């Protein structure tokens, strides 16, 4: 019997982290999104000012799972621009991971 090679992509470090989504209730704010994009986000996930994502403490209400173990975004396909620009290993990622006592990832753009 021949053993096949794994062809799937390695899992993103974000799926076992989630620290950036639980760093600050002021961080998941809307910035350059068009109104049509923001209208796709269910109102239950938007803060009362309409300026960003609703948070429970510092944790984004769209984050599912346990920080540092396994997490996912329940609105990943329609998440706001601020969430799309945070990259594994960038300075924002490092700051959030330090808050949660997680090791900082290597900077993707040294």
N, C-alpha and C. Protein backbone atom coordinates (compact mmCIF):
# COMPACT_ATOMS: atom_id res chain seq x y z
N UNK A 1 0.85 -1.18 0.00
CA UNK A 1 0.00 0.00 0.00
C UNK A 1 0.89 1.23 0.00
N UNK A 2 0.61 2.17 -0.92
CA UNK A 2 1.41 3.39 -1.03
C UNK A 2 0.87 4.44 -0.07
N UNK A 3 1.79 5.14 0.60
CA UNK A 3 1.40 6.21 1.52
C UNK A 3 1.39 7.50 0.74
N UNK A 4 0.28 8.22 0.75
CA UNK A 4 0.17 9.48 0.02
C UNK A 4 0.76 10.63 0.82
N UNK A 5 1.08 11.68 0.11
CA UNK A 5 1.58 12.89 0.75
C UNK A 5 0.41 13.79 1.11
N UNK A 6 0.53 14.48 2.21
CA UNK A 6 -0.52 15.41 2.62
C UNK A 6 -0.49 16.59 1.67
N UNK A 7 -1.63 16.93 1.09
CA UNK A 7 -1.70 18.02 0.13
C UNK A 7 -2.38 19.27 0.67
N UNK A 8 -2.95 19.19 1.85
CA UNK A 8 -3.64 20.35 2.39
C UNK A 8 -2.62 21.36 2.94
N UNK A 9 -3.07 22.61 2.96
CA UNK A 9 -2.22 23.67 3.48
C UNK A 9 -2.10 23.53 5.00
N UNK A 10 -0.96 23.96 5.57
CA UNK A 10 -0.86 23.92 7.02
C UNK A 10 -1.88 24.88 7.64
N UNK A 11 -2.35 24.55 8.81
CA UNK A 11 -3.33 25.37 9.49
C UNK A 11 -2.73 26.73 9.85
N UNK A 12 -3.52 27.76 9.69
CA UNK A 12 -3.08 29.11 10.03
C UNK A 12 -2.83 29.22 11.53
N UNK A 13 -1.78 29.93 11.94
CA UNK A 13 -1.56 30.11 13.38
C UNK A 13 -2.71 30.86 14.04
N UNK A 14 -3.49 31.58 13.25
CA UNK A 14 -4.62 32.33 13.79
C UNK A 14 -5.70 31.41 14.35
N UNK A 15 -5.82 30.22 13.78
CA UNK A 15 -6.86 29.29 14.23
C UNK A 15 -6.55 28.65 15.57
N UNK A 16 -5.33 28.84 16.05
CA UNK A 16 -5.01 28.35 17.39
C UNK A 16 -4.62 29.52 18.29
N UNK A 17 -5.00 30.73 17.89
CA UNK A 17 -4.60 31.91 18.66
C UNK A 17 -5.82 32.74 19.04
N UNK A 18 -6.21 33.68 18.18
CA UNK A 18 -7.35 34.54 18.46
C UNK A 18 -7.02 35.74 19.33
N UNK A 19 -5.76 35.92 19.70
CA UNK A 19 -5.38 37.01 20.61
C UNK A 19 -5.73 38.39 20.06
N UNK A 20 -5.56 38.59 18.75
CA UNK A 20 -5.84 39.91 18.18
C UNK A 20 -7.33 40.25 18.27
N UNK A 21 -8.18 39.23 18.34
CA UNK A 21 -9.62 39.43 18.43
C UNK A 21 -10.09 39.59 19.88
N UNK A 22 -9.16 39.53 20.80
CA UNK A 22 -9.50 39.67 22.21
C UNK A 22 -8.49 40.57 22.91
N UNK A 23 -7.99 41.54 22.17
CA UNK A 23 -6.95 42.43 22.70
C UNK A 23 -7.54 43.69 23.33
N UNK A 24 -8.50 44.32 22.65
CA UNK A 24 -9.05 45.59 23.13
C UNK A 24 -10.41 45.83 22.51
N UNK A 25 -11.33 46.33 23.30
CA UNK A 25 -12.65 46.64 22.75
C UNK A 25 -12.60 47.83 21.81
N UNK A 26 -11.51 48.57 21.79
CA UNK A 26 -11.37 49.71 20.88
C UNK A 26 -10.69 49.33 19.58
N UNK A 27 -10.11 48.13 19.49
CA UNK A 27 -9.36 47.76 18.30
C UNK A 27 -10.23 47.36 17.12
N UNK A 28 -11.28 46.57 17.29
CA UNK A 28 -12.00 46.16 16.08
C UNK A 28 -12.94 47.26 15.59
N UNK A 29 -12.34 48.39 15.20
CA UNK A 29 -13.14 49.54 14.76
C UNK A 29 -13.21 49.58 13.24
N UNK A 30 -14.28 50.16 12.75
CA UNK A 30 -14.45 50.30 11.31
C UNK A 30 -13.68 51.51 10.85
N UNK A 31 -13.04 51.41 9.69
CA UNK A 31 -12.23 52.52 9.20
C UNK A 31 -12.57 52.86 7.76
N UNK A 32 -12.13 52.02 6.82
CA UNK A 32 -12.28 52.37 5.41
C UNK A 32 -13.35 51.54 4.69
N UNK A 33 -14.15 50.81 5.44
CA UNK A 33 -15.18 49.98 4.83
C UNK A 33 -16.24 50.86 4.15
N UNK A 34 -16.78 50.35 3.08
CA UNK A 34 -17.91 51.00 2.44
C UNK A 34 -19.17 50.59 3.18
N UNK A 35 -20.19 51.43 3.13
CA UNK A 35 -21.44 51.13 3.82
C UNK A 35 -22.01 49.78 3.42
N UNK A 36 -21.91 49.42 2.15
CA UNK A 36 -22.44 48.14 1.68
C UNK A 36 -21.76 46.97 2.38
N UNK A 37 -20.46 47.07 2.62
CA UNK A 37 -19.73 46.00 3.31
C UNK A 37 -20.15 45.93 4.77
N UNK A 38 -20.31 47.08 5.40
CA UNK A 38 -20.72 47.10 6.81
C UNK A 38 -22.15 46.59 6.99
N UNK A 39 -22.99 46.83 6.00
CA UNK A 39 -24.38 46.36 6.08
C UNK A 39 -24.48 44.83 6.09
N UNK A 40 -23.43 44.13 5.65
CA UNK A 40 -23.43 42.67 5.65
C UNK A 40 -23.20 42.09 7.04
N UNK A 41 -22.58 42.87 7.92
CA UNK A 41 -22.29 42.39 9.28
C UNK A 41 -23.58 42.40 10.09
N UNK A 42 -23.97 41.27 10.66
CA UNK A 42 -25.20 41.24 11.46
C UNK A 42 -25.15 42.29 12.57
N UNK A 43 -26.23 43.04 12.75
CA UNK A 43 -26.27 44.11 13.76
C UNK A 43 -25.89 43.65 15.17
N UNK A 44 -26.13 42.39 15.49
CA UNK A 44 -25.81 41.90 16.83
C UNK A 44 -24.30 41.90 17.09
N UNK A 45 -23.49 42.00 16.05
CA UNK A 45 -22.04 42.03 16.20
C UNK A 45 -21.47 43.45 16.15
N UNK A 46 -22.29 44.45 15.90
CA UNK A 46 -21.83 45.84 15.78
C UNK A 46 -22.10 46.57 17.09
N UNK A 47 -21.11 47.40 17.51
CA UNK A 47 -21.29 48.12 18.77
C UNK A 47 -22.39 49.18 18.67
N UNK A 48 -22.83 49.68 19.80
CA UNK A 48 -23.96 50.62 19.84
C UNK A 48 -23.68 51.93 19.11
N UNK A 49 -22.43 52.32 18.96
CA UNK A 49 -22.09 53.54 18.22
C UNK A 49 -22.01 53.31 16.72
N UNK A 50 -22.01 52.04 16.32
CA UNK A 50 -21.87 51.72 14.90
C UNK A 50 -20.48 51.96 14.37
N UNK A 51 -19.51 52.06 15.28
CA UNK A 51 -18.14 52.41 14.89
C UNK A 51 -17.20 51.21 14.82
N UNK A 52 -17.67 50.05 15.24
CA UNK A 52 -16.81 48.87 15.25
C UNK A 52 -17.58 47.65 15.72
N UNK A 53 -16.83 46.60 15.92
CA UNK A 53 -17.43 45.35 16.37
C UNK A 53 -17.80 45.45 17.86
N UNK A 54 -18.91 44.82 18.24
CA UNK A 54 -19.31 44.75 19.64
C UNK A 54 -18.38 43.78 20.34
N UNK A 55 -17.95 44.17 21.51
CA UNK A 55 -17.05 43.32 22.29
C UNK A 55 -17.67 42.97 23.62
N UNK A 56 -17.31 41.81 24.12
CA UNK A 56 -17.65 41.38 25.47
C UNK A 56 -16.35 41.52 26.25
N UNK A 57 -16.22 42.63 26.99
CA UNK A 57 -14.93 42.98 27.58
C UNK A 57 -14.02 43.40 26.45
N UNK A 58 -12.87 42.77 26.33
CA UNK A 58 -11.95 43.06 25.23
C UNK A 58 -12.12 42.10 24.05
N UNK A 59 -12.98 41.14 24.19
CA UNK A 59 -13.14 40.08 23.19
C UNK A 59 -14.22 40.42 22.17
N UNK A 60 -13.88 40.34 20.88
CA UNK A 60 -14.85 40.57 19.82
C UNK A 60 -15.98 39.55 19.93
N UNK A 61 -17.19 40.02 19.77
CA UNK A 61 -18.35 39.14 19.89
C UNK A 61 -18.42 38.10 18.77
N UNK A 62 -17.70 38.30 17.68
CA UNK A 62 -17.70 37.34 16.57
C UNK A 62 -16.66 36.23 16.76
N UNK A 63 -15.83 36.33 17.78
CA UNK A 63 -14.80 35.32 18.01
C UNK A 63 -15.40 34.11 18.73
N UNK A 64 -15.11 32.95 18.20
CA UNK A 64 -15.55 31.70 18.80
C UNK A 64 -14.32 30.91 19.24
N UNK A 65 -14.44 30.19 20.33
CA UNK A 65 -13.35 29.32 20.77
C UNK A 65 -12.57 29.87 21.94
N UNK A 66 -11.45 29.20 22.21
CA UNK A 66 -10.61 29.52 23.37
C UNK A 66 -9.27 30.09 22.90
N UNK A 67 -8.93 31.28 23.41
CA UNK A 67 -7.69 31.97 23.04
C UNK A 67 -6.50 31.06 23.30
N UNK A 68 -5.62 30.98 22.31
CA UNK A 68 -4.40 30.19 22.44
C UNK A 68 -4.59 28.70 22.24
N UNK A 69 -5.82 28.27 22.00
CA UNK A 69 -6.10 26.85 21.82
C UNK A 69 -6.71 26.59 20.45
N UNK A 70 -7.91 27.07 20.23
CA UNK A 70 -8.60 26.91 18.95
C UNK A 70 -9.65 28.01 18.84
N UNK A 71 -9.55 28.82 17.80
CA UNK A 71 -10.49 29.92 17.62
C UNK A 71 -10.92 30.02 16.15
N UNK A 72 -12.01 30.72 15.95
CA UNK A 72 -12.45 31.04 14.60
C UNK A 72 -13.33 32.28 14.66
N UNK A 73 -13.45 32.92 13.52
CA UNK A 73 -14.32 34.10 13.39
C UNK A 73 -15.64 33.63 12.81
N UNK A 74 -16.72 33.94 13.48
CA UNK A 74 -18.03 33.48 13.02
C UNK A 74 -18.53 34.27 11.82
N UNK A 75 -17.87 35.39 11.50
CA UNK A 75 -18.24 36.17 10.31
C UNK A 75 -17.03 36.37 9.40
N UNK A 76 -16.16 35.38 9.35
CA UNK A 76 -14.88 35.49 8.65
C UNK A 76 -15.01 36.08 7.24
N UNK A 77 -15.92 35.60 6.45
CA UNK A 77 -16.05 36.06 5.05
C UNK A 77 -16.45 37.52 4.94
N UNK A 78 -17.11 38.06 5.95
CA UNK A 78 -17.57 39.46 5.90
C UNK A 78 -16.93 40.32 6.99
N UNK A 79 -15.84 39.84 7.58
CA UNK A 79 -15.17 40.57 8.66
C UNK A 79 -14.71 41.95 8.17
N UNK A 80 -14.58 42.92 9.08
CA UNK A 80 -14.17 44.27 8.67
C UNK A 80 -12.71 44.35 8.25
N UNK A 81 -12.36 45.44 7.61
CA UNK A 81 -11.02 45.64 7.07
C UNK A 81 -9.94 45.55 8.14
N UNK A 82 -10.18 46.07 9.34
CA UNK A 82 -9.17 46.01 10.40
C UNK A 82 -8.79 44.57 10.70
N UNK A 83 -9.72 43.67 10.58
CA UNK A 83 -9.44 42.25 10.82
C UNK A 83 -8.67 41.63 9.66
N UNK A 84 -8.90 42.13 8.48
CA UNK A 84 -8.22 41.60 7.29
C UNK A 84 -6.76 42.04 7.22
N UNK A 85 -6.44 43.17 7.81
CA UNK A 85 -5.08 43.70 7.70
C UNK A 85 -4.14 43.19 8.78
N UNK A 86 -4.66 42.65 9.86
CA UNK A 86 -3.80 42.09 10.91
C UNK A 86 -3.25 40.76 10.40
N UNK A 87 -1.95 40.65 10.33
CA UNK A 87 -1.30 39.47 9.78
C UNK A 87 -0.51 38.72 10.85
N UNK A 88 -0.45 37.40 10.75
CA UNK A 88 0.36 36.63 11.71
C UNK A 88 1.80 37.13 11.73
N UNK A 89 2.27 37.49 12.90
CA UNK A 89 3.65 37.93 13.07
C UNK A 89 3.87 39.42 12.94
N UNK A 90 2.84 40.20 12.56
CA UNK A 90 3.07 41.65 12.47
C UNK A 90 3.06 42.26 13.87
N UNK A 91 3.30 43.55 13.96
CA UNK A 91 3.44 44.18 15.29
C UNK A 91 2.15 44.09 16.11
N UNK A 92 0.99 44.24 15.47
CA UNK A 92 -0.28 44.13 16.19
C UNK A 92 -0.46 42.72 16.73
N UNK A 93 -0.11 41.74 15.91
CA UNK A 93 -0.19 40.33 16.34
C UNK A 93 0.70 40.12 17.56
N UNK A 94 1.93 40.61 17.50
CA UNK A 94 2.87 40.44 18.61
C UNK A 94 2.37 41.07 19.90
N UNK A 95 1.81 42.27 19.78
CA UNK A 95 1.27 42.97 20.95
C UNK A 95 0.14 42.17 21.58
N UNK A 96 -0.77 41.68 20.76
CA UNK A 96 -1.91 40.91 21.26
C UNK A 96 -1.46 39.58 21.87
N UNK A 97 -0.52 38.90 21.22
CA UNK A 97 -0.04 37.62 21.74
C UNK A 97 0.67 37.80 23.08
N UNK A 98 1.44 38.89 23.23
CA UNK A 98 2.11 39.15 24.52
C UNK A 98 1.08 39.35 25.63
N UNK A 99 -0.01 40.05 25.33
CA UNK A 99 -1.06 40.28 26.34
C UNK A 99 -1.58 38.95 26.87
N UNK A 100 -1.69 37.95 26.02
CA UNK A 100 -2.23 36.65 26.39
C UNK A 100 -1.16 35.66 26.82
N UNK A 101 0.10 36.12 26.89
CA UNK A 101 1.19 35.24 27.32
C UNK A 101 1.57 34.20 26.28
N UNK A 102 1.28 34.48 25.02
CA UNK A 102 1.62 33.56 23.94
C UNK A 102 2.94 33.98 23.30
N UNK A 103 3.72 33.05 22.80
CA UNK A 103 4.98 33.43 22.15
C UNK A 103 4.71 34.24 20.89
N UNK A 104 5.54 35.23 20.65
CA UNK A 104 5.40 36.08 19.48
C UNK A 104 5.85 35.31 18.25
N UNK A 105 5.09 35.43 17.18
CA UNK A 105 5.44 34.77 15.92
C UNK A 105 6.50 35.56 15.18
N UNK A 106 7.21 34.90 14.29
CA UNK A 106 8.20 35.59 13.47
C UNK A 106 7.50 36.61 12.58
N UNK A 107 8.11 37.78 12.41
CA UNK A 107 7.58 38.83 11.57
C UNK A 107 7.55 38.34 10.12
N UNK A 108 6.40 38.44 9.43
CA UNK A 108 6.34 37.94 8.06
C UNK A 108 7.12 38.79 7.07
N UNK A 109 7.44 40.01 7.45
CA UNK A 109 8.18 40.92 6.57
C UNK A 109 9.41 41.45 7.30
N UNK A 110 10.45 40.62 7.43
CA UNK A 110 11.62 41.06 8.21
C UNK A 110 12.35 42.22 7.56
